[in-house]
Amino acid sequence: MFEGFQEEQVDVGEASVFVRFGGNGPPVVLLHGHPRTSATWHRVAPQLAEAGHTVVCPDLRGYGRSRGPRFTAGHEGYSKRAVAGDVVAVMRHLGHHRFALAGHDRGGSVALRLTLDHPDAVSRVAFLDCLPLTEHLSRITVEFATQWWHWFFFAQPDIPERVITADPDGWYHGDPDAMGPKNHDEWRRATRDPDVVRAMLEDYRAGLTVDRRHEEADRDAGRRIACPTLVLWSLRDDLEDLYGDPVAIWRRWATDVRGHGIDSGHHVAEQAPGALASALTDFLRPGPTGA
């Protein structure tokens, strides 16, 4: 995987972030979702590098080979604000003070927080298979509660850790043929690590508490994303079925929004890498739609 890319473990203070990076040109950061690692981008990142970008793929705080601080009752150490700060610190360490950004699933929540907290750092942002957390929570229906029940299970103290670590292979389902064998092996090692499992749960616990409060404060203050924004969603996932047009929802948060669906299941970077890389390349290209 990631032929020609470099790997580094970057100390950012209270966290240590594992990062892959390669290519030359305008930088773009790719943020993975749950329960993946940066390896999920192994079919997309080389295409973006070939298209003329420096591509940076970190493991989010606590996921994969990244490590965060001790766990606390308030979950602040695994808030999206803390994780967004990690990404900014890693990019500055690599010599980049302004960059494009794409976040999938939980990585999309980090991308939103980073763009709102550090607007001067982000030239443009893409959100993949995600909405702001508060938009999900304000639209809870029987269908949402049935299909997304894990959000609320993960928020429970102690029980999810015991359930998941008792049989991680039974809880998480991965197909090495679909994911790619090396990506699958890396993901499987991570999901069998109790510290990683706890950190991933803290991500969800923060989402329903401190992250929710941060988003509510942004909404009440009228903060919006000013840079060009792309919204992509998987047509064989449930985002559009649950909420209708995701672009319309994101227009509540961003000024310049465009987007479309991709014929894929949820893990689009693995299932439709060509279509995703093409959409991101078009969005990142200089010109009328570019930076």
Protein backbone atom coordinates (compact mmCIF):
# COMPACT_ATOMS: atom_id res chain seq x y z
CA MET A 1 0.00 0.00 0.00
CA PHE A 2 0.94 3.67 -0.47
CA GLU A 3 3.94 3.05 -2.70
CA GLY A 4 6.22 6.10 -2.59
CA PHE A 5 4.57 7.49 0.54
CA GLN A 6 6.41 8.18 3.77
CA GLU A 7 5.28 7.34 7.31
CA GLU A 8 5.93 9.27 10.51
CA GLN A 9 4.79 9.31 14.12
CA VAL A 10 4.29 12.98 15.02
CA ASP A 11 4.23 14.18 18.64
CA VAL A 12 1.62 16.95 18.90
CA GLY A 13 1.67 17.38 22.68
CA GLU A 14 -0.99 15.34 24.43
CA ALA A 15 -1.32 13.03 21.42
CA SER A 16 0.94 11.12 19.05
CA VAL A 17 -0.33 10.93 15.47
CA PHE A 18 0.64 8.33 12.89
CA VAL A 19 0.59 9.84 9.41
CA ARG A 20 1.23 8.77 5.83
CA PHE A 21 2.12 11.38 3.22
CA GLY A 22 3.29 11.48 -0.37
CA GLY A 23 3.15 13.31 -3.69
CA ASN A 24 3.97 16.87 -4.62
CA GLY A 25 1.77 19.89 -5.10
CA PRO A 26 -1.09 21.56 -3.24
CA PRO A 27 -1.73 19.63 -0.01
CA VAL A 28 -4.93 17.73 0.75
CA VAL A 29 -5.69 15.91 4.00
CA LEU A 30 -7.86 12.77 4.02
CA LEU A 31 -9.60 11.92 7.31
CA HIS A 32 -10.99 8.41 7.75
CA GLY A 33 -14.10 7.30 9.63
CA HIS A 34 -15.02 4.59 12.12
CA PRO A 35 -13.67 1.95 12.53
CA ARG A 36 -11.07 2.43 9.81
CA THR A 37 -7.51 3.77 9.82
CA SER A 38 -5.65 5.91 7.31
CA ALA A 39 -5.11 2.71 5.30
CA THR A 40 -8.70 2.99 4.03
CA TRP A 41 -7.40 5.61 1.55
CA HIS A 42 -4.87 3.24 -0.06
CA ARG A 43 -6.75 3.20 -3.38
CA VAL A 44 -7.56 6.93 -3.43
CA ALA A 45 -4.42 8.64 -2.11
CA PRO A 46 -2.10 7.46 -4.95
CA GLN A 47 -4.60 8.76 -7.53
CA LEU A 48 -4.66 12.19 -5.89
CA ALA A 49 -0.86 12.19 -5.71
CA GLU A 50 -0.71 11.27 -9.41
CA ALA A 51 -3.08 14.18 -10.11
CA GLY A 52 -0.55 16.60 -8.60
CA HIS A 53 -1.25 16.81 -4.86
CA THR A 54 0.65 16.27 -1.68
CA VAL A 55 -1.65 13.80 0.10
CA VAL A 56 -1.63 13.47 3.90
CA CYS A 57 -3.49 10.61 5.62
CA PRO A 58 -3.38 10.59 9.44
CA ASP A 59 -4.87 8.07 11.83
CA LEU A 60 -7.35 10.05 13.94
CA ARG A 61 -6.49 10.44 17.63
CA GLY A 62 -6.82 7.04 19.30
CA TYR A 63 -7.50 5.17 16.06
CA GLY A 64 -4.98 2.87 14.38
CA ARG A 65 -1.45 3.77 15.47
CA SER A 66 -2.31 7.23 16.85
CA ARG A 67 -2.55 7.66 20.60
CA GLY A 68 -4.34 10.21 22.75
CA PRO A 69 -4.44 11.29 26.39
CA ARG A 70 -6.03 9.47 29.29
CA PHE A 71 -9.79 9.14 29.25
CA THR A 72 -11.84 11.60 31.31
CA ALA A 73 -15.47 11.87 32.34
CA GLY A 74 -16.05 14.88 30.07
CA HIS A 75 -14.54 13.18 26.97
CA GLU A 76 -12.76 16.44 26.02
CA GLY A 77 -9.56 14.60 25.13
CA TYR A 78 -11.33 12.90 22.23
CA SER A 79 -13.47 15.82 21.12
CA LYS A 80 -13.45 16.82 17.47
CA ARG A 81 -11.87 20.11 18.55
CA ALA A 82 -8.90 18.22 20.03
CA VAL A 83 -8.58 15.96 16.98
CA ALA A 84 -8.82 18.94 14.61
CA GLY A 85 -5.97 20.54 16.54
CA ASP A 86 -3.91 17.38 15.95
CA VAL A 87 -4.43 17.69 12.19
CA VAL A 88 -3.37 21.35 12.14
CA ALA A 89 -0.28 20.52 14.20
CA VAL A 90 0.67 17.63 11.90
CA MET A 91 0.27 19.78 8.81
CA ARG A 92 2.41 22.54 10.28
CA HIS A 93 5.01 19.94 11.20
CA LEU A 94 5.03 18.86 7.53
CA GLY A 95 5.36 22.49 6.41
CA HIS A 96 1.77 23.17 5.33
CA HIS A 97 -0.20 26.05 6.84
CA ARG A 98 -3.11 25.97 4.36
CA PHE A 99 -4.59 22.86 2.81
CA ALA A 100 -7.66 21.21 1.36
CA LEU A 101 -9.53 18.73 3.49
CA ALA A 102 -11.79 15.72 2.98
CA GLY A 103 -13.45 13.82 5.82
CA HIS A 104 -15.47 10.61 5.71
CA ASP A 105 -17.98 9.58 8.37
CA ARG A 106 -16.46 10.52 11.79
CA GLY A 107 -13.62 12.18 9.90
CA GLY A 108 -16.24 14.49 8.43
CA SER A 109 -17.10 15.70 11.93
CA VAL A 110 -13.42 16.46 12.48
CA ALA A 111 -13.30 18.27 9.12
CA LEU A 112 -16.26 20.44 10.12
CA ARG A 113 -14.70 21.36 13.46
CA LEU A 114 -11.32 22.08 11.85
CA THR A 115 -12.88 24.29 9.18
CA LEU A 116 -14.88 26.30 11.72
CA ASP A 117 -12.08 26.56 14.30
CA HIS A 118 -9.23 27.20 11.82
CA PRO A 119 -10.83 28.84 8.74
CA ASP A 120 -7.55 30.36 7.57
CA ALA A 121 -6.01 26.87 7.36
CA VAL A 122 -8.61 25.32 5.03
CA SER A 123 -8.76 26.24 1.33
CA ARG A 124 -11.71 23.96 0.59
CA VAL A 125 -13.46 21.05 2.28
CA ALA A 126 -15.26 17.88 1.20
CA PHE A 127 -17.70 15.99 3.43
CA LEU A 128 -18.26 12.32 2.58
CA ASP A 129 -21.23 10.35 3.94
CA CYS A 130 -21.81 12.68 6.88
CA LEU A 131 -23.79 15.58 8.30
CA PRO A 132 -23.09 17.81 11.29
CA LEU A 133 -23.76 15.79 14.44
CA THR A 134 -26.49 18.18 15.55
CA GLU A 135 -28.31 17.74 12.25
CA HIS A 136 -28.47 14.00 12.86
CA LEU A 137 -29.63 14.48 16.45
CA SER A 138 -32.33 17.00 15.53
CA ARG A 139 -33.80 14.51 13.05
CA ILE A 140 -34.10 11.41 15.23
CA THR A 141 -36.84 9.12 13.95
CA VAL A 142 -37.67 5.47 14.49
CA GLU A 143 -35.69 4.71 11.32
CA PHE A 144 -32.63 6.63 12.56
CA ALA A 145 -32.78 5.03 16.01
CA THR A 146 -33.11 1.57 14.45
CA GLN A 147 -30.30 1.93 11.93
CA TRP A 148 -27.94 4.14 13.97
CA TRP A 149 -28.54 2.58 17.38
CA HIS A 150 -24.80 2.06 17.84
CA TRP A 151 -24.37 5.82 18.50
CA PHE A 152 -26.31 5.45 21.72
CA PHE A 153 -24.91 2.04 22.64
CA PHE A 154 -21.34 3.36 22.28
CA ALA A 155 -22.22 6.23 24.63
CA GLN A 156 -22.93 3.86 27.51
CA PRO A 157 -20.18 3.53 30.15
CA ASP A 158 -18.09 0.33 30.21
CA ILE A 159 -20.61 -2.03 28.57
CA PRO A 160 -19.54 -1.47 24.93
CA GLU A 161 -15.88 -2.12 25.79
CA ARG A 162 -16.76 -5.47 27.34
CA VAL A 163 -19.00 -6.50 24.45
CA ILE A 164 -16.61 -5.51 21.66
CA THR A 165 -13.33 -6.71 23.14
CA ALA A 166 -14.87 -10.09 24.02
CA ASP A 167 -15.11 -10.85 20.28
CA PRO A 168 -13.79 -8.04 18.07
CA ASP A 169 -13.87 -10.18 14.93
CA GLY A 170 -17.52 -10.99 15.62
CA TRP A 171 -18.39 -7.33 16.21
CA TYR A 172 -16.46 -5.75 13.33
CA HIS A 173 -16.86 -7.33 9.93
CA GLY A 174 -14.20 -6.81 7.31
CA ASP A 175 -13.70 -8.43 3.91
CA PRO A 176 -10.01 -8.63 2.92
CA ASP A 177 -10.91 -8.94 -0.75
CA ALA A 178 -13.08 -5.81 -0.70
CA MET A 179 -10.81 -3.81 1.61
CA GLY A 180 -7.49 -5.04 0.24
CA PRO A 181 -5.48 -7.54 2.31
CA LYS A 182 -2.99 -5.07 3.83
CA ASN A 183 -5.69 -2.54 4.68
CA HIS A 184 -7.74 -5.35 6.24
CA ASP A 185 -4.76 -6.59 8.28
CA GLU A 186 -4.03 -3.11 9.64
CA TRP A 187 -7.70 -2.52 10.47
CA ARG A 188 -7.96 -5.91 12.19
CA ARG A 189 -4.90 -5.26 14.37
CA ALA A 190 -6.40 -1.94 15.44
CA THR A 191 -9.84 -3.30 16.27
CA ARG A 192 -8.30 -6.06 18.42
CA ASP A 193 -6.45 -3.49 20.57
CA PRO A 194 -8.52 -2.64 23.69
CA ASP A 195 -6.99 0.86 23.88
CA VAL A 196 -8.06 1.60 20.30
CA VAL A 197 -11.56 0.26 20.96
CA ARG A 198 -11.89 2.50 24.03
CA ALA A 199 -10.65 5.54 22.08
CA MET A 200 -13.13 4.89 19.26
CA LEU A 201 -15.92 4.73 21.82
CA GLU A 202 -14.70 7.99 23.35
CA ASP A 203 -15.08 9.55 19.88
CA TYR A 204 -18.80 8.70 20.00
CA ARG A 205 -19.19 9.73 23.63
CA ALA A 206 -17.65 13.09 22.81
CA GLY A 207 -19.99 13.37 19.83
CA LEU A 208 -23.11 13.28 21.98
CA THR A 209 -21.72 15.63 24.64
CA VAL A 210 -18.89 18.12 24.13
CA ASP A 211 -19.01 18.02 20.31
CA ARG A 212 -22.75 18.58 20.31
CA ARG A 213 -22.33 21.62 22.54
CA HIS A 214 -19.62 23.04 20.28
CA GLU A 215 -21.84 22.69 17.21
CA GLU A 216 -24.81 24.23 19.00
CA ALA A 217 -22.65 27.21 19.95
CA ASP A 218 -21.53 27.62 16.33
CA ARG A 219 -25.10 27.43 15.07
CA ASP A 220 -26.37 29.92 17.64
CA ALA A 221 -23.54 32.32 16.76
CA GLY A 222 -24.25 32.01 13.03
CA ARG A 223 -20.79 30.67 12.15
CA ARG A 224 -20.59 29.26 8.63
CA ILE A 225 -18.04 27.65 6.35
CA ALA A 226 -16.83 30.27 3.90
CA CYS A 227 -14.58 28.15 1.67
CA PRO A 228 -15.85 26.04 -1.26
CA THR A 229 -17.57 22.92 0.03
CA LEU A 230 -18.24 19.56 -1.63
CA VAL A 231 -20.77 17.05 -0.30
CA LEU A 232 -20.61 13.43 -1.52
CA TRP A 233 -22.70 10.52 -0.33
CA SER A 234 -22.94 6.81 -1.09
CA LEU A 235 -26.10 5.91 -2.97
CA ARG A 236 -26.14 2.41 -1.45
CA ASP A 237 -25.91 3.81 2.08
CA ASP A 238 -28.81 5.39 4.01
CA LEU A 239 -27.93 9.10 4.31
CA GLU A 240 -30.19 10.32 1.52
CA ASP A 241 -32.95 7.86 2.45
CA LEU A 242 -33.07 9.18 6.01
CA TYR A 243 -32.74 12.91 5.36
CA GLY A 244 -33.38 13.75 1.73
CA ASP A 245 -30.87 15.91 -0.15
CA PRO A 246 -27.67 16.19 1.95
CA VAL A 247 -26.57 19.29 0.00
CA ALA A 248 -29.64 21.18 1.21
CA ILE A 249 -28.76 20.37 4.83
CA TRP A 250 -25.14 21.42 4.42
CA ARG A 251 -26.30 24.77 3.00
CA ARG A 252 -27.36 25.60 6.56
CA TRP A 253 -23.65 25.47 7.46
CA ALA A 254 -21.75 26.57 4.36
CA THR A 255 -22.05 29.36 1.82
CA ASP A 256 -20.69 27.68 -1.34
CA VAL A 257 -21.92 24.07 -1.52
CA ARG A 258 -22.17 21.56 -4.33
CA GLY A 259 -22.40 17.77 -4.33
CA HIS A 260 -23.76 14.51 -5.67
CA GLY A 261 -24.15 10.83 -4.87
CA ILE A 262 -21.67 8.08 -5.77
CA ASP A 263 -22.68 4.51 -6.60
CA SER A 264 -21.14 2.83 -3.56
CA GLY A 265 -21.75 1.42 -0.13
CA HIS A 266 -20.65 3.33 2.95
CA HIS A 267 -16.89 2.69 2.71
CA VAL A 268 -16.60 4.63 -0.53
CA ALA A 269 -12.79 4.95 -0.52
CA GLU A 270 -12.55 1.17 -0.70
CA GLN A 271 -15.63 0.40 -2.81
CA ALA A 272 -15.58 3.20 -5.40
CA PRO A 273 -12.06 4.68 -5.27
CA GLY A 274 -12.01 5.76 -8.90
CA ALA A 275 -15.26 7.71 -8.69
CA LEU A 276 -14.25 9.28 -5.39
CA ALA A 277 -10.77 10.24 -6.60
CA SER A 278 -12.27 11.74 -9.76
CA ALA A 279 -14.79 13.81 -7.79
CA LEU A 280 -12.13 15.08 -5.40
CA THR A 281 -9.68 15.84 -8.23
CA ASP A 282 -12.31 17.88 -10.08
CA PHE A 283 -13.16 19.77 -6.90
CA LEU A 284 -9.50 20.49 -6.10
CA ARG A 285 -8.58 21.54 -9.63
CA PRO A 286 -7.69 25.27 -10.02
CA GLY A 287 -10.17 27.19 -12.10
CA PRO A 288 -13.79 28.29 -11.78
CA THR A 289 -14.53 25.46 -9.33
CA GLY A 290 -11.04 25.26 -7.86
CA ALA A 291 -9.05 27.15 -5.27
